[in-house]
Amino acid sequence: MGTKDKIDTQGMSYGSGKSTRSLEEQRAALPNFKPNKMNLLSDALKVELKELINEVLDERLKYK
């Protein structure tokens, strides 16, 4: 591993690293997080999975 393969972590912090505000003040200044909603499963797939799960559960009840 050569000297160019190392990461300089000293320069990773923003600014001088010295803040005049407390940690609580810095956190309060951050805007609220608003996650984007997205459907991972399409409506058609949800219906198909629900039917499949119910079918498997029905089969399971037959053999009890």
PDB file of N, CA and C in Angstrom:
ATOM      1  N   MET A   1       0.857  -1.177   0.000  1.00  0.00           N
ATOM      2  CA  MET A   1       0.000   0.000   0.000  1.00  0.00           C
ATOM      3  C   MET A   1       0.892   1.225   0.000  1.00  0.00           C
ATOM      4  N   GLY A   2       0.812   2.003  -1.051  1.00  0.00           N
ATOM      5  CA  GLY A   2       1.634   3.204  -1.167  1.00  0.00           C
ATOM      6  C   GLY A   2       1.057   4.366  -0.397  1.00  0.00           C
ATOM      7  N   THR A   3       1.760   5.455  -0.367  1.00  0.00           N
ATOM      8  CA  THR A   3       1.286   6.626   0.372  1.00  0.00           C
ATOM      9  C   THR A   3       0.082   7.271  -0.294  1.00  0.00           C
ATOM     10  N   LYS A   4      -0.125   7.034  -1.588  1.00  0.00           N
ATOM     11  CA  LYS A   4      -1.273   7.621  -2.285  1.00  0.00           C
ATOM     12  C   LYS A   4      -2.554   6.840  -2.001  1.00  0.00           C
ATOM     13  N   ASP A   5      -2.438   5.633  -1.439  1.00  0.00           N
ATOM     14  CA  ASP A   5      -3.600   4.809  -1.156  1.00  0.00           C
ATOM     15  C   ASP A   5      -4.283   5.170   0.156  1.00  0.00           C
ATOM     16  N   LYS A   6      -3.681   6.015   0.943  1.00  0.00           N
ATOM     17  CA  LYS A   6      -4.245   6.375   2.241  1.00  0.00           C
ATOM     18  C   LYS A   6      -5.209   7.550   2.099  1.00  0.00           C
ATOM     19  N   ILE A   7      -6.204   7.587   2.963  1.00  0.00           N
ATOM     20  CA  ILE A   7      -7.177   8.667   2.953  1.00  0.00           C
ATOM     21  C   ILE A   7      -6.826   9.656   4.058  1.00  0.00           C
ATOM     22  N   ASP A   8      -6.809  10.933   3.692  1.00  0.00           N
ATOM     23  CA  ASP A   8      -6.551  11.985   4.672  1.00  0.00           C
ATOM     24  C   ASP A   8      -7.862  12.356   5.341  1.00  0.00           C
ATOM     25  N   THR A   9      -8.091  11.854   6.555  1.00  0.00           N
ATOM     26  CA  THR A   9      -9.342  12.142   7.250  1.00  0.00           C
ATOM     27  C   THR A   9      -9.293  13.459   8.008  1.00  0.00           C
ATOM     28  N   GLN A  10      -8.149  14.062   8.113  1.00  0.00           N
ATOM     29  CA  GLN A  10      -8.032  15.321   8.844  1.00  0.00           C
ATOM     30  C   GLN A  10      -8.777  16.451   8.125  1.00  0.00           C
ATOM     31  N   GLY A  11      -8.817  16.410   6.819  1.00  0.00           N
ATOM     32  CA  GLY A  11      -9.448  17.481   6.074  1.00  0.00           C
ATOM     33  C   GLY A  11     -10.901  17.211   5.735  1.00  0.00           C
ATOM     34  N   MET A  12     -11.511  16.183   6.345  1.00  0.00           N
ATOM     35  CA  MET A  12     -12.876  15.828   6.001  1.00  0.00           C
ATOM     36  C   MET A  12     -13.929  16.680   6.701  1.00  0.00           C
ATOM     37  N   SER A  13     -13.602  17.320   7.790  1.00  0.00           N
ATOM     38  CA  SER A  13     -14.605  18.117   8.490  1.00  0.00           C
ATOM     39  C   SER A  13     -14.782  19.460   7.787  1.00  0.00           C
ATOM     40  N   TYR A  14     -16.001  19.972   7.843  1.00  0.00           N
ATOM     41  CA  TYR A  14     -16.336  21.225   7.178  1.00  0.00           C
ATOM     42  C   TYR A  14     -15.873  22.401   8.032  1.00  0.00           C
ATOM     43  N   GLY A  15     -15.313  23.376   7.421  1.00  0.00           N
ATOM     44  CA  GLY A  15     -14.883  24.572   8.137  1.00  0.00           C
ATOM     45  C   GLY A  15     -13.662  24.315   8.993  1.00  0.00           C
ATOM     46  N   SER A  16     -13.542  25.115  10.014  1.00  0.00           N
ATOM     47  CA  SER A  16     -12.372  25.005  10.889  1.00  0.00           C
ATOM     48  C   SER A  16     -12.550  23.937  11.953  1.00  0.00           C
ATOM     49  N   GLY A  17     -13.768  23.438  12.097  1.00  0.00           N
ATOM     50  CA  GLY A  17     -14.021  22.442  13.126  1.00  0.00           C
ATOM     51  C   GLY A  17     -14.387  23.080  14.447  1.00  0.00           C
ATOM     52  N   LYS A  18     -14.233  24.354  14.566  1.00  0.00           N
ATOM     53  CA  LYS A  18     -14.576  25.091  15.779  1.00  0.00           C
ATOM     54  C   LYS A  18     -15.902  25.797  15.542  1.00  0.00           C
ATOM     55  N   SER A  19     -16.911  25.438  16.307  1.00  0.00           N
ATOM     56  CA  SER A  19     -18.223  26.045  16.150  1.00  0.00           C
ATOM     57  C   SER A  19     -18.552  26.853  17.395  1.00  0.00           C
ATOM     58  N   THR A  20     -19.223  27.970  17.180  1.00  0.00           N
ATOM     59  CA  THR A  20     -19.619  28.794  18.322  1.00  0.00           C
ATOM     60  C   THR A  20     -20.971  28.345  18.876  1.00  0.00           C
ATOM     61  N   ARG A  21     -21.666  27.477  18.121  1.00  0.00           N
ATOM     62  CA  ARG A  21     -22.969  26.989  18.581  1.00  0.00           C
ATOM     63  C   ARG A  21     -22.825  25.614  19.230  1.00  0.00           C
ATOM     64  N   SER A  22     -23.707  25.348  20.173  1.00  0.00           N
ATOM     65  CA  SER A  22     -23.690  24.036  20.825  1.00  0.00           C
ATOM     66  C   SER A  22     -24.256  22.996  19.868  1.00  0.00           C
ATOM     67  N   LEU A  23     -24.069  21.759  20.220  1.00  0.00           N
ATOM     68  CA  LEU A  23     -24.560  20.666  19.394  1.00  0.00           C
ATOM     69  C   LEU A  23     -26.087  20.722  19.276  1.00  0.00           C
ATOM     70  N   GLU A  24     -26.773  21.048  20.372  1.00  0.00           N
ATOM     71  CA  GLU A  24     -28.231  21.152  20.350  1.00  0.00           C
ATOM     72  C   GLU A  24     -28.680  22.263  19.412  1.00  0.00           C
ATOM     73  N   GLU A  25     -27.978  23.391  19.406  1.00  0.00           N
ATOM     74  CA  GLU A  25     -28.322  24.501  18.514  1.00  0.00           C
ATOM     75  C   GLU A  25     -28.092  24.112  17.057  1.00  0.00           C
ATOM     76  N   GLN A  26     -27.028  23.388  16.790  1.00  0.00           N
ATOM     77  CA  GLN A  26     -26.747  22.949  15.432  1.00  0.00           C
ATOM     78  C   GLN A  26     -27.834  21.988  14.952  1.00  0.00           C
ATOM     79  N   ARG A  27     -28.256  21.053  15.811  1.00  0.00           N
ATOM     80  CA  ARG A  27     -29.303  20.105  15.450  1.00  0.00           C
ATOM     81  C   ARG A  27     -30.634  20.813  15.233  1.00  0.00           C
ATOM     82  N   ALA A  28     -30.947  21.811  16.056  1.00  0.00           N
ATOM     83  CA  ALA A  28     -32.203  22.548  15.929  1.00  0.00           C
ATOM     84  C   ALA A  28     -32.239  23.337  14.620  1.00  0.00           C
ATOM     85  N   ALA A  29     -31.087  23.722  14.091  1.00  0.00           N
ATOM     86  CA  ALA A  29     -31.027  24.505  12.867  1.00  0.00           C
ATOM     87  C   ALA A  29     -31.264  23.652  11.623  1.00  0.00           C
ATOM     88  N   LEU A  30     -31.174  22.331  11.758  1.00  0.00           N
ATOM     89  CA  LEU A  30     -31.396  21.453  10.607  1.00  0.00           C
ATOM     90  C   LEU A  30     -32.882  21.391  10.275  1.00  0.00           C
ATOM     91  N   PRO A  31     -33.232  21.376   8.991  1.00  0.00           N
ATOM     92  CA  PRO A  31     -34.646  21.254   8.631  1.00  0.00           C
ATOM     93  C   PRO A  31     -35.146  19.838   8.921  1.00  0.00           C
ATOM     94  N   ASN A  32     -36.459  19.716   9.125  1.00  0.00           N
ATOM     95  CA  ASN A  32     -37.057  18.398   9.369  1.00  0.00           C
ATOM     96  C   ASN A  32     -36.888  17.520   8.143  1.00  0.00           C
ATOM     97  N   PHE A  33     -36.664  16.242   8.376  1.00  0.00           N
ATOM     98  CA  PHE A  33     -36.482  15.289   7.294  1.00  0.00           C
ATOM     99  C   PHE A  33     -37.838  14.921   6.719  1.00  0.00           C
ATOM    100  N   LYS A  34     -37.991  15.058   5.411  1.00  0.00           N
ATOM    101  CA  LYS A  34     -39.231  14.690   4.732  1.00  0.00           C
ATOM    102  C   LYS A  34     -38.909  13.599   3.708  1.00  0.00           C
ATOM    103  N   PRO A  35     -39.133  12.336   4.074  1.00  0.00           N
ATOM    104  CA  PRO A  35     -38.808  11.247   3.138  1.00  0.00           C
ATOM    105  C   PRO A  35     -39.770  11.234   1.954  1.00  0.00           C
ATOM    106  N   ASN A  36     -39.249  10.885   0.810  1.00  0.00           N
ATOM    107  CA  ASN A  36     -40.081  10.732  -0.378  1.00  0.00           C
ATOM    108  C   ASN A  36     -40.758   9.370  -0.310  1.00  0.00           C
ATOM    109  N   LYS A  37     -42.074   9.368  -0.536  1.00  0.00           N
ATOM    110  CA  LYS A  37     -42.802   8.104  -0.509  1.00  0.00           C
ATOM    111  C   LYS A  37     -42.759   7.489  -1.893  1.00  0.00           C
ATOM    112  N   MET A  38     -42.426   6.203  -1.920  1.00  0.00           N
ATOM    113  CA  MET A  38     -42.448   5.488  -3.184  1.00  0.00           C
ATOM    114  C   MET A  38     -42.935   4.069  -2.943  1.00  0.00           C
ATOM    115  N   ASN A  39     -43.684   3.579  -3.892  1.00  0.00           N
ATOM    116  CA  ASN A  39     -44.196   2.215  -3.798  1.00  0.00           C
ATOM    117  C   ASN A  39     -43.155   1.256  -4.365  1.00  0.00           C
ATOM    118  N   LEU A  40     -42.751   0.319  -3.540  1.00  0.00           N
ATOM    119  CA  LEU A  40     -41.805  -0.690  -4.003  1.00  0.00           C
ATOM    120  C   LEU A  40     -42.523  -1.800  -4.759  1.00  0.00           C
ATOM    121  N   LEU A  41     -43.788  -2.008  -4.416  1.00  0.00           N
ATOM    122  CA  LEU A  41     -44.576  -3.046  -5.073  1.00  0.00           C
ATOM    123  C   LEU A  41     -45.742  -2.389  -5.794  1.00  0.00           C
ATOM    124  N   SER A  42     -45.973  -2.814  -7.018  1.00  0.00           N
ATOM    125  CA  SER A  42     -47.108  -2.273  -7.768  1.00  0.00           C
ATOM    126  C   SER A  42     -48.399  -2.812  -7.161  1.00  0.00           C
ATOM    127  N   ASP A  43     -49.500  -2.137  -7.451  1.00  0.00           N
ATOM    128  CA  ASP A  43     -50.791  -2.568  -6.925  1.00  0.00           C
ATOM    129  C   ASP A  43     -51.150  -3.966  -7.424  1.00  0.00           C
ATOM    130  N   ALA A  44     -50.837  -4.247  -8.686  1.00  0.00           N
ATOM    131  CA  ALA A  44     -51.131  -5.568  -9.253  1.00  0.00           C
ATOM    132  C   ALA A  44     -50.333  -6.652  -8.525  1.00  0.00           C
ATOM    133  N   LEU A  45     -49.070  -6.360  -8.205  1.00  0.00           N
ATOM    134  CA  LEU A  45     -48.254  -7.346  -7.500  1.00  0.00           C
ATOM    135  C   LEU A  45     -48.762  -7.552  -6.076  1.00  0.00           C
ATOM    136  N   LYS A  46     -49.228  -6.487  -5.437  1.00  0.00           N
ATOM    137  CA  LYS A  46     -49.787  -6.615  -4.090  1.00  0.00           C
ATOM    138  C   LYS A  46     -50.991  -7.555  -4.094  1.00  0.00           C
ATOM    139  N   VAL A  47     -51.875  -7.389  -5.087  1.00  0.00           N
ATOM    140  CA  VAL A  47     -53.059  -8.244  -5.194  1.00  0.00           C
ATOM    141  C   VAL A  47     -52.639  -9.688  -5.430  1.00  0.00           C
ATOM    142  N   GLU A  48     -51.685  -9.886  -6.336  1.00  0.00           N
ATOM    143  CA  GLU A  48     -51.223 -11.240  -6.645  1.00  0.00           C
ATOM    144  C   GLU A  48     -50.585 -11.906  -5.429  1.00  0.00           C
ATOM    145  N   LEU A  49     -49.774 -11.170  -4.695  1.00  0.00           N
ATOM    146  CA  LEU A  49     -49.136 -11.734  -3.499  1.00  0.00           C
ATOM    147  C   LEU A  49     -50.170 -12.069  -2.428  1.00  0.00           C
ATOM    148  N   LYS A  50     -51.164 -11.181  -2.269  1.00  0.00           N
ATOM    149  CA  LYS A  50     -52.204 -11.441  -1.282  1.00  0.00           C
ATOM    150  C   LYS A  50     -52.966 -12.716  -1.624  1.00  0.00           C
ATOM    151  N   GLU A  51     -53.305 -12.892  -2.913  1.00  0.00           N
ATOM    152  CA  GLU A  51     -53.996 -14.101  -3.343  1.00  0.00           C
ATOM    153  C   GLU A  51     -53.142 -15.340  -3.108  1.00  0.00           C
ATOM    154  N   LEU A  52     -51.855 -15.235  -3.402  1.00  0.00           N
ATOM    155  CA  LEU A  52     -50.952 -16.362  -3.218  1.00  0.00           C
ATOM    156  C   LEU A  52     -50.809 -16.725  -1.742  1.00  0.00           C
ATOM    157  N   ILE A  53     -50.668 -15.735  -0.902  1.00  0.00           N
ATOM    158  CA  ILE A  53     -50.534 -15.992   0.541  1.00  0.00           C
ATOM    159  C   ILE A  53     -51.802 -16.647   1.073  1.00  0.00           C
ATOM    160  N   ASN A  54     -52.963 -16.135   0.665  1.00  0.00           N
ATOM    161  CA  ASN A  54     -54.225 -16.732   1.120  1.00  0.00           C
ATOM    162  C   ASN A  54     -54.375 -18.165   0.623  1.00  0.00           C
ATOM    163  N   GLU A  55     -53.949 -18.412  -0.595  1.00  0.00           N
ATOM    164  CA  GLU A  55     -54.001 -19.772  -1.132  1.00  0.00           C
ATOM    165  C   GLU A  55     -53.123 -20.720  -0.322  1.00  0.00           C
ATOM    166  N   VAL A  56     -51.933 -20.277   0.016  1.00  0.00           N
ATOM    167  CA  VAL A  56     -51.015 -21.110   0.810  1.00  0.00           C
ATOM    168  C   VAL A  56     -51.596 -21.355   2.200  1.00  0.00           C
ATOM    169  N   LEU A  57     -52.182 -20.322   2.798  1.00  0.00           N
ATOM    170  CA  LEU A  57     -52.784 -20.497   4.120  1.00  0.00           C
ATOM    171  C   LEU A  57     -53.977 -21.461   4.062  1.00  0.00           C
ATOM    172  N   ASP A  58     -54.772 -21.376   2.994  1.00  0.00           N
ATOM    173  CA  ASP A  58     -55.894 -22.303   2.832  1.00  0.00           C
ATOM    174  C   ASP A  58     -55.397 -23.736   2.710  1.00  0.00           C
ATOM    175  N   GLU A  59     -54.327 -23.945   1.943  1.00  0.00           N
ATOM    176  CA  GLU A  59     -53.747 -25.277   1.787  1.00  0.00           C
ATOM    177  C   GLU A  59     -53.249 -25.803   3.136  1.00  0.00           C
ATOM    178  N   ARG A  60     -52.699 -24.926   3.894  1.00  0.00           N
ATOM    179  CA  ARG A  60     -52.161 -25.314   5.192  1.00  0.00           C
ATOM    180  C   ARG A  60     -53.287 -25.768   6.129  1.00  0.00           C
ATOM    181  N   LEU A  61     -54.421 -25.092   6.044  1.00  0.00           N
ATOM    182  CA  LEU A  61     -55.547 -25.450   6.916  1.00  0.00           C
ATOM    183  C   LEU A  61     -56.155 -26.796   6.536  1.00  0.00           C
ATOM    184  N   LYS A  62     -56.046 -27.180   5.256  1.00  0.00           N
ATOM    185  CA  LYS A  62     -56.590 -28.463   4.801  1.00  0.00           C
ATOM    186  C   LYS A  62     -55.880 -29.633   5.465  1.00  0.00           C
ATOM    187  N   TYR A  63     -54.578 -29.483   5.729  1.00  0.00           N
ATOM    188  CA  TYR A  63     -53.782 -30.599   6.229  1.00  0.00           C
ATOM    189  C   TYR A  63     -53.587 -30.579   7.732  1.00  0.00           C
ATOM    190  N   LYS A  64     -54.288 -29.716   8.423  1.00  0.00           N
ATOM    191  CA  LYS A  64     -54.161 -29.683   9.895  1.00  0.00           C
ATOM    192  C   LYS A  64     -55.032 -30.695  10.543  1.00  0.00           C
TER     193      LYS A  64
END
